Amino acid sequence: MESAMGVKDTVRAVLDRLPDDCKLGEVIDQLCMIEAAELDEKDLPPLTQAQRDALDESIAHHERHPERTLPWREVLRKIERGE
């Protein structure tokens, strides 16, 4: 969306889609989803076997313990606090 519309137009379109009482986090989430959708996997280097194994284990852990999942904003806060 960004390349065809421009960054400001993309942000405006996101804001127009969201309710007037939306939170900043909702706006950020929407923008992150747009950015992630634009990533082209063929431009990324392939994962190593160790990276694939770690990713598979992380996914399996999440499936076994979904109650332990943290929102990414909380993870960022913990990183910023050095936890």
PDB file of N, CA and C in Angstrom:
ATOM      1  N   MET A   1       0.828  -1.195   0.000  1.00  0.00           N
ATOM      2  CA  MET A   1       0.000   0.000   0.000  1.00  0.00           C
ATOM      3  C   MET A   1       0.865   1.249   0.000  1.00  0.00           C
ATOM      4  N   GLU A   2       1.947   1.241   0.760  1.00  0.00           N
ATOM      5  CA  GLU A   2       2.777   2.422   0.912  1.00  0.00           C
ATOM      6  C   GLU A   2       3.348   2.898  -0.412  1.00  0.00           C
ATOM      7  N   SER A   3       3.880   1.988  -1.232  1.00  0.00           N
ATOM      8  CA  SER A   3       4.524   2.399  -2.466  1.00  0.00           C
ATOM      9  C   SER A   3       3.537   3.031  -3.435  1.00  0.00           C
ATOM     10  N   ALA A   4       2.320   2.523  -3.497  1.00  0.00           N
ATOM     11  CA  ALA A   4       1.331   3.062  -4.412  1.00  0.00           C
ATOM     12  C   ALA A   4       0.722   4.356  -3.890  1.00  0.00           C
ATOM     13  N   MET A   5       0.579   4.477  -2.585  1.00  0.00           N
ATOM     14  CA  MET A   5      -0.124   5.614  -2.008  1.00  0.00           C
ATOM     15  C   MET A   5       0.794   6.649  -1.382  1.00  0.00           C
ATOM     16  N   GLY A   6       1.933   6.262  -0.889  1.00  0.00           N
ATOM     17  CA  GLY A   6       2.762   7.164  -0.112  1.00  0.00           C
ATOM     18  C   GLY A   6       2.476   6.958   1.364  1.00  0.00           C
ATOM     19  N   VAL A   7       3.450   7.252   2.185  1.00  0.00           N
ATOM     20  CA  VAL A   7       3.351   6.983   3.620  1.00  0.00           C
ATOM     21  C   VAL A   7       2.196   7.750   4.261  1.00  0.00           C
ATOM     22  N   LYS A   8       2.103   9.040   3.985  1.00  0.00           N
ATOM     23  CA  LYS A   8       1.040   9.840   4.617  1.00  0.00           C
ATOM     24  C   LYS A   8      -0.342   9.364   4.187  1.00  0.00           C
ATOM     25  N   ASP A   9      -0.477   9.023   2.919  1.00  0.00           N
ATOM     26  CA  ASP A   9      -1.768   8.520   2.445  1.00  0.00           C
ATOM     27  C   ASP A   9      -2.106   7.192   3.099  1.00  0.00           C
ATOM     28  N   THR A  10      -1.105   6.343   3.300  1.00  0.00           N
ATOM     29  CA  THR A  10      -1.323   5.063   3.959  1.00  0.00           C
ATOM     30  C   THR A  10      -1.802   5.275   5.390  1.00  0.00           C
ATOM     31  N   VAL A  11      -1.153   6.180   6.114  1.00  0.00           N
ATOM     32  CA  VAL A  11      -1.547   6.472   7.495  1.00  0.00           C
ATOM     33  C   VAL A  11      -2.958   7.042   7.528  1.00  0.00           C
ATOM     34  N   ARG A  12      -3.263   7.940   6.620  1.00  0.00           N
ATOM     35  CA  ARG A  12      -4.618   8.518   6.569  1.00  0.00           C
ATOM     36  C   ARG A  12      -5.662   7.433   6.306  1.00  0.00           C
ATOM     37  N   ALA A  13      -5.350   6.513   5.386  1.00  0.00           N
ATOM     38  CA  ALA A  13      -6.294   5.432   5.072  1.00  0.00           C
ATOM     39  C   ALA A  13      -6.525   4.548   6.292  1.00  0.00           C
ATOM     40  N   VAL A  14      -5.457   4.262   7.041  1.00  0.00           N
ATOM     41  CA  VAL A  14      -5.598   3.468   8.269  1.00  0.00           C
ATOM     42  C   VAL A  14      -6.481   4.207   9.264  1.00  0.00           C
ATOM     43  N   LEU A  15      -6.220   5.487   9.460  1.00  0.00           N
ATOM     44  CA  LEU A  15      -7.015   6.281  10.403  1.00  0.00           C
ATOM     45  C   LEU A  15      -8.473   6.341   9.981  1.00  0.00           C
ATOM     46  N   ASP A  16      -8.722   6.438   8.686  1.00  0.00           N
ATOM     47  CA  ASP A  16     -10.102   6.490   8.200  1.00  0.00           C
ATOM     48  C   ASP A  16     -10.838   5.179   8.450  1.00  0.00           C
ATOM     49  N   ARG A  17     -10.117   4.060   8.443  1.00  0.00           N
ATOM     50  CA  ARG A  17     -10.739   2.751   8.660  1.00  0.00           C
ATOM     51  C   ARG A  17     -11.062   2.487  10.124  1.00  0.00           C
ATOM     52  N   LEU A  18     -10.304   3.076  11.018  1.00  0.00           N
ATOM     53  CA  LEU A  18     -10.463   2.809  12.446  1.00  0.00           C
ATOM     54  C   LEU A  18     -11.516   3.719  13.066  1.00  0.00           C
ATOM     55  N   PRO A  19     -12.131   3.285  14.171  1.00  0.00           N
ATOM     56  CA  PRO A  19     -13.125   4.144  14.835  1.00  0.00           C
ATOM     57  C   PRO A  19     -12.460   5.384  15.427  1.00  0.00           C
ATOM     58  N   ASP A  20     -13.235   6.431  15.614  1.00  0.00           N
ATOM     59  CA  ASP A  20     -12.710   7.686  16.143  1.00  0.00           C
ATOM     60  C   ASP A  20     -12.099   7.540  17.531  1.00  0.00           C
ATOM     61  N   ASP A  21     -12.570   6.569  18.309  1.00  0.00           N
ATOM     62  CA  ASP A  21     -12.054   6.401  19.670  1.00  0.00           C
ATOM     63  C   ASP A  21     -10.956   5.336  19.765  1.00  0.00           C
ATOM     64  N   CYS A  22     -10.304   5.050  18.629  1.00  0.00           N
ATOM     65  CA  CYS A  22      -9.258   4.026  18.642  1.00  0.00           C
ATOM     66  C   CYS A  22      -8.047   4.498  19.458  1.00  0.00           C
ATOM     67  N   LYS A  23      -7.289   3.533  19.892  1.00  0.00           N
ATOM     68  CA  LYS A  23      -6.069   3.795  20.666  1.00  0.00           C
ATOM     69  C   LYS A  23      -4.870   3.834  19.720  1.00  0.00           C
ATOM     70  N   LEU A  24      -3.812   4.491  20.152  1.00  0.00           N
ATOM     71  CA  LEU A  24      -2.596   4.583  19.348  1.00  0.00           C
ATOM     72  C   LEU A  24      -2.064   3.192  19.015  1.00  0.00           C
ATOM     73  N   GLY A  25      -2.157   2.284  19.963  1.00  0.00           N
ATOM     74  CA  GLY A  25      -1.690   0.919  19.726  1.00  0.00           C
ATOM     75  C   GLY A  25      -2.408   0.252  18.567  1.00  0.00           C
ATOM     76  N   GLU A  26      -3.695   0.541  18.412  1.00  0.00           N
ATOM     77  CA  GLU A  26      -4.454  -0.026  17.295  1.00  0.00           C
ATOM     78  C   GLU A  26      -3.946   0.510  15.965  1.00  0.00           C
ATOM     79  N   VAL A  27      -3.612   1.788  15.929  1.00  0.00           N
ATOM     80  CA  VAL A  27      -3.073   2.395  14.716  1.00  0.00           C
ATOM     81  C   VAL A  27      -1.733   1.746  14.381  1.00  0.00           C
ATOM     82  N   ILE A  28      -0.885   1.608  15.387  1.00  0.00           N
ATOM     83  CA  ILE A  28       0.430   1.008  15.182  1.00  0.00           C
ATOM     84  C   ILE A  28       0.287  -0.430  14.705  1.00  0.00           C
ATOM     85  N   ASP A  29      -0.630  -1.184  15.313  1.00  0.00           N
ATOM     86  CA  ASP A  29      -0.851  -2.567  14.896  1.00  0.00           C
ATOM     87  C   ASP A  29      -1.235  -2.639  13.422  1.00  0.00           C
ATOM     88  N   GLN A  30      -2.131  -1.760  13.002  1.00  0.00           N
ATOM     89  CA  GLN A  30      -2.567  -1.758  11.606  1.00  0.00           C
ATOM     90  C   GLN A  30      -1.409  -1.421  10.662  1.00  0.00           C
ATOM     91  N   LEU A  31      -0.609  -0.443  11.040  1.00  0.00           N
ATOM     92  CA  LEU A  31       0.528  -0.066  10.206  1.00  0.00           C
ATOM     93  C   LEU A  31       1.553  -1.199  10.136  1.00  0.00           C
ATOM     94  N   CYS A  32       1.771  -1.876  11.247  1.00  0.00           N
ATOM     95  CA  CYS A  32       2.701  -3.011  11.262  1.00  0.00           C
ATOM     96  C   CYS A  32       2.195  -4.132  10.371  1.00  0.00           C
ATOM     97  N   MET A  33       0.888  -4.360  10.374  1.00  0.00           N
ATOM     98  CA  MET A  33       0.329  -5.404   9.514  1.00  0.00           C
ATOM     99  C   MET A  33       0.528  -5.062   8.039  1.00  0.00           C
ATOM    100  N   ILE A  34       0.382  -3.804   7.703  1.00  0.00           N
ATOM    101  CA  ILE A  34       0.599  -3.374   6.321  1.00  0.00           C
ATOM    102  C   ILE A  34       2.057  -3.579   5.941  1.00  0.00           C
ATOM    103  N   GLU A  35       2.950  -3.165   6.825  1.00  0.00           N
ATOM    104  CA  GLU A  35       4.372  -3.302   6.547  1.00  0.00           C
ATOM    105  C   GLU A  35       4.766  -4.767   6.408  1.00  0.00           C
ATOM    106  N   ALA A  36       4.243  -5.616   7.281  1.00  0.00           N
ATOM    107  CA  ALA A  36       4.566  -7.041   7.226  1.00  0.00           C
ATOM    108  C   ALA A  36       4.046  -7.656   5.937  1.00  0.00           C
ATOM    109  N   ALA A  37       2.878  -7.231   5.495  1.00  0.00           N
ATOM    110  CA  ALA A  37       2.306  -7.771   4.266  1.00  0.00           C
ATOM    111  C   ALA A  37       3.142  -7.396   3.050  1.00  0.00           C
ATOM    112  N   GLU A  38       3.858  -6.287   3.135  1.00  0.00           N
ATOM    113  CA  GLU A  38       4.670  -5.835   2.011  1.00  0.00           C
ATOM    114  C   GLU A  38       6.026  -6.529   1.935  1.00  0.00           C
ATOM    115  N   LEU A  39       6.425  -7.187   3.013  1.00  0.00           N
ATOM    116  CA  LEU A  39       7.696  -7.901   2.993  1.00  0.00           C
ATOM    117  C   LEU A  39       7.606  -9.042   1.997  1.00  0.00           C
ATOM    118  N   ASP A  40       8.627  -9.199   1.216  1.00  0.00           N
ATOM    119  CA  ASP A  40       8.651 -10.268   0.228  1.00  0.00           C
ATOM    120  C   ASP A  40       9.666 -11.300   0.681  1.00  0.00           C
ATOM    121  N   GLU A  41       9.190 -12.490   1.022  1.00  0.00           N
ATOM    122  CA  GLU A  41      10.063 -13.508   1.577  1.00  0.00           C
ATOM    123  C   GLU A  41      11.203 -13.880   0.645  1.00  0.00           C
ATOM    124  N   LYS A  42      11.021 -13.757  -0.662  1.00  0.00           N
ATOM    125  CA  LYS A  42      12.092 -14.136  -1.578  1.00  0.00           C
ATOM    126  C   LYS A  42      13.290 -13.198  -1.468  1.00  0.00           C
ATOM    127  N   ASP A  43      13.094 -12.015  -0.905  1.00  0.00           N
ATOM    128  CA  ASP A  43      14.193 -11.071  -0.728  1.00  0.00           C
ATOM    129  C   ASP A  43      14.952 -11.302   0.578  1.00  0.00           C
ATOM    130  N   LEU A  44      14.449 -12.205   1.405  1.00  0.00           N
ATOM    131  CA  LEU A  44      15.085 -12.483   2.689  1.00  0.00           C
ATOM    132  C   LEU A  44      16.028 -13.674   2.557  1.00  0.00           C
ATOM    133  N   PRO A  45      17.110 -13.676   3.318  1.00  0.00           N
ATOM    134  CA  PRO A  45      17.998 -14.840   3.267  1.00  0.00           C
ATOM    135  C   PRO A  45      17.289 -16.051   3.870  1.00  0.00           C
ATOM    136  N   PRO A  46      17.625 -17.248   3.401  1.00  0.00           N
ATOM    137  CA  PRO A  46      16.982 -18.440   3.954  1.00  0.00           C
ATOM    138  C   PRO A  46      17.377 -18.649   5.408  1.00  0.00           C
ATOM    139  N   LEU A  47      16.477 -19.258   6.168  1.00  0.00           N
ATOM    140  CA  LEU A  47      16.776 -19.567   7.561  1.00  0.00           C
ATOM    141  C   LEU A  47      17.772 -20.728   7.624  1.00  0.00           C
ATOM    142  N   THR A  48      18.625 -20.680   8.612  1.00  0.00           N
ATOM    143  CA  THR A  48      19.504 -21.816   8.859  1.00  0.00           C
ATOM    144  C   THR A  48      18.680 -22.909   9.527  1.00  0.00           C
ATOM    145  N   GLN A  49      19.241 -24.119   9.579  1.00  0.00           N
ATOM    146  CA  GLN A  49      18.529 -25.200  10.253  1.00  0.00           C
ATOM    147  C   GLN A  49      18.322 -24.866  11.726  1.00  0.00           C
ATOM    148  N   ALA A  50      19.314 -24.261  12.360  1.00  0.00           N
ATOM    149  CA  ALA A  50      19.182 -23.878  13.769  1.00  0.00           C
ATOM    150  C   ALA A  50      18.063 -22.857  13.952  1.00  0.00           C
ATOM    151  N   GLN A  51      17.939 -21.901  13.031  1.00  0.00           N
ATOM    152  CA  GLN A  51      16.870 -20.912  13.121  1.00  0.00           C
ATOM    153  C   GLN A  51      15.503 -21.562  12.920  1.00  0.00           C
ATOM    154  N   ARG A  52      15.410 -22.493  11.945  1.00  0.00           N
ATOM    155  CA  ARG A  52      14.145 -23.205  11.727  1.00  0.00           C
ATOM    156  C   ARG A  52      13.759 -24.016  12.967  1.00  0.00           C
ATOM    157  N   ASP A  53      14.750 -24.705  13.556  1.00  0.00           N
ATOM    158  CA  ASP A  53      14.484 -25.491  14.765  1.00  0.00           C
ATOM    159  C   ASP A  53      14.005 -24.604  15.915  1.00  0.00           C
ATOM    160  N   ALA A  54      14.668 -23.456  16.101  1.00  0.00           N
ATOM    161  CA  ALA A  54      14.275 -22.533  17.174  1.00  0.00           C
ATOM    162  C   ALA A  54      12.874 -21.988  16.926  1.00  0.00           C
ATOM    163  N   LEU A  55      12.556 -21.663  15.695  1.00  0.00           N
ATOM    164  CA  LEU A  55      11.221 -21.160  15.361  1.00  0.00           C
ATOM    165  C   LEU A  55      10.167 -22.241  15.593  1.00  0.00           C
ATOM    166  N   ASP A  56      10.452 -23.466  15.150  1.00  0.00           N
ATOM    167  CA  ASP A  56       9.512 -24.571  15.373  1.00  0.00           C
ATOM    168  C   ASP A  56       9.274 -24.794  16.864  1.00  0.00           C
ATOM    169  N   GLU A  57      10.339 -24.739  17.673  1.00  0.00           N
ATOM    170  CA  GLU A  57      10.195 -24.928  19.116  1.00  0.00           C
ATOM    171  C   GLU A  57       9.386 -23.797  19.731  1.00  0.00           C
ATOM    172  N   SER A  58       9.616 -22.584  19.271  1.00  0.00           N
ATOM    173  CA  SER A  58       8.867 -21.436  19.787  1.00  0.00           C
ATOM    174  C   SER A  58       7.380 -21.576  19.470  1.00  0.00           C
ATOM    175  N   ILE A  59       7.065 -21.992  18.270  1.00  0.00           N
ATOM    176  CA  ILE A  59       5.666 -22.180  17.877  1.00  0.00           C
ATOM    177  C   ILE A  59       5.038 -23.305  18.700  1.00  0.00           C
ATOM    178  N   ALA A  60       5.759 -24.406  18.845  1.00  0.00           N
ATOM    179  CA  ALA A  60       5.243 -25.527  19.629  1.00  0.00           C
ATOM    180  C   ALA A  60       5.000 -25.121  21.081  1.00  0.00           C
ATOM    181  N   HIS A  61       5.922 -24.338  21.646  1.00  0.00           N
ATOM    182  CA  HIS A  61       5.759 -23.867  23.023  1.00  0.00           C
ATOM    183  C   HIS A  61       4.513 -23.000  23.145  1.00  0.00           C
ATOM    184  N   HIS A  62       4.325 -22.121  22.189  1.00  0.00           N
ATOM    185  CA  HIS A  62       3.141 -21.260  22.202  1.00  0.00           C
ATOM    186  C   HIS A  62       1.863 -22.091  22.116  1.00  0.00           C
ATOM    187  N   GLU A  63       1.871 -23.113  21.261  1.00  0.00           N
ATOM    188  CA  GLU A  63       0.676 -23.948  21.126  1.00  0.00           C
ATOM    189  C   GLU A  63       0.392 -24.733  22.407  1.00  0.00           C
ATOM    190  N   ARG A  64       1.462 -25.129  23.128  1.00  0.00           N
ATOM    191  CA  ARG A  64       1.279 -25.856  24.387  1.00  0.00           C
ATOM    192  C   ARG A  64       0.852 -24.931  25.521  1.00  0.00           C
ATOM    193  N   HIS A  65       1.302 -23.664  25.480  1.00  0.00           N
ATOM    194  CA  HIS A  65       1.075 -22.730  26.585  1.00  0.00           C
ATOM    195  C   HIS A  65       0.615 -21.351  26.077  1.00  0.00           C
ATOM    196  N   PRO A  66      -0.539 -21.279  25.440  1.00  0.00           N
ATOM    197  CA  PRO A  66      -0.978 -19.975  24.903  1.00  0.00           C
ATOM    198  C   PRO A  66      -1.213 -18.938  26.001  1.00  0.00           C
ATOM    199  N   GLU A  67      -1.447 -19.385  27.229  1.00  0.00           N
ATOM    200  CA  GLU A  67      -1.676 -18.445  28.335  1.00  0.00           C
ATOM    201  C   GLU A  67      -0.416 -17.674  28.702  1.00  0.00           C
ATOM    202  N   ARG A  68       0.733 -18.132  28.269  1.00  0.00           N
ATOM    203  CA  ARG A  68       1.999 -17.452  28.586  1.00  0.00           C
ATOM    204  C   ARG A  68       2.394 -16.409  27.538  1.00  0.00           C
ATOM    205  N   THR A  69       1.571 -16.233  26.531  1.00  0.00           N
ATOM    206  CA  THR A  69       1.880 -15.292  25.464  1.00  0.00           C
ATOM    207  C   THR A  69       1.744 -13.863  25.970  1.00  0.00           C
ATOM    208  N   LEU A  70       2.694 -13.014  25.586  1.00  0.00           N
ATOM    209  CA  LEU A  70       2.648 -11.595  25.935  1.00  0.00           C
ATOM    210  C   LEU A  70       2.403 -10.765  24.680  1.00  0.00           C
ATOM    211  N   PRO A  71       1.617  -9.706  24.793  1.00  0.00           N
ATOM    212  CA  PRO A  71       1.494  -8.782  23.660  1.00  0.00           C
ATOM    213  C   PRO A  71       2.860  -8.183  23.339  1.00  0.00           C
ATOM    214  N   TRP A  72       3.101  -7.893  22.071  1.00  0.00           N
ATOM    215  CA  TRP A  72       4.435  -7.411  21.686  1.00  0.00           C
ATOM    216  C   TRP A  72       4.788  -6.108  22.379  1.00  0.00           C
ATOM    217  N   ARG A  73       3.793  -5.270  22.698  1.00  0.00           N
ATOM    218  CA  ARG A  73       4.098  -4.015  23.390  1.00  0.00           C
ATOM    219  C   ARG A  73       4.682  -4.290  24.782  1.00  0.00           C
ATOM    220  N   GLU A  74       4.159  -5.321  25.450  1.00  0.00           N
ATOM    221  CA  GLU A  74       4.686  -5.678  26.767  1.00  0.00           C
ATOM    222  C   GLU A  74       6.113  -6.213  26.651  1.00  0.00           C
ATOM    223  N   VAL A  75       6.360  -6.981  25.616  1.00  0.00           N
ATOM    224  CA  VAL A  75       7.722  -7.484  25.381  1.00  0.00           C
ATOM    225  C   VAL A  75       8.673  -6.308  25.166  1.00  0.00           C
ATOM    226  N   LEU A  76       8.268  -5.340  24.369  1.00  0.00           N
ATOM    227  CA  LEU A  76       9.101  -4.156  24.137  1.00  0.00           C
ATOM    228  C   LEU A  76       9.363  -3.404  25.436  1.00  0.00           C
ATOM    229  N   ARG A  77       8.323  -3.261  26.278  1.00  0.00           N
ATOM    230  CA  ARG A  77       8.503  -2.585  27.564  1.00  0.00           C
ATOM    231  C   ARG A  77       9.516  -3.320  28.428  1.00  0.00           C
ATOM    232  N   LYS A  78       9.430  -4.651  28.436  1.00  0.00           N
ATOM    233  CA  LYS A  78      10.375  -5.445  29.231  1.00  0.00           C
ATOM    234  C   LYS A  78      11.809  -5.262  28.703  1.00  0.00           C
ATOM    235  N   ILE A  79      11.940  -5.238  27.403  1.00  0.00           N
ATOM    236  CA  ILE A  79      13.272  -5.027  26.815  1.00  0.00           C
ATOM    237  C   ILE A  79      13.805  -3.659  27.196  1.00  0.00           C
ATOM    238  N   GLU A  80      12.960  -2.646  27.099  1.00  0.00           N
ATOM    239  CA  GLU A  80      13.373  -1.289  27.442  1.00  0.00           C
ATOM    240  C   GLU A  80      13.757  -1.175  28.903  1.00  0.00           C
ATOM    241  N   ARG A  81      13.110  -1.938  29.799  1.00  0.00           N
ATOM    242  CA  ARG A  81      13.429  -1.913  31.218  1.00  0.00           C
ATOM    243  C   ARG A  81      14.608  -2.819  31.556  1.00  0.00           C
ATOM    244  N   GLY A  82      15.076  -3.574  30.552  1.00  0.00           N
ATOM    245  CA  GLY A  82      16.209  -4.463  30.775  1.00  0.00           C
ATOM    246  C   GLY A  82      15.850  -5.757  31.488  1.00  0.00           C
ATOM    247  N   GLU A  83      14.614  -6.161  31.393  1.00  0.00           N
ATOM    248  CA  GLU A  83      14.175  -7.396  32.062  1.00  0.00           C
ATOM    249  C   GLU A  83      14.470  -8.610  31.202  1.00  0.00           C
TER     250      GLU A  83
END
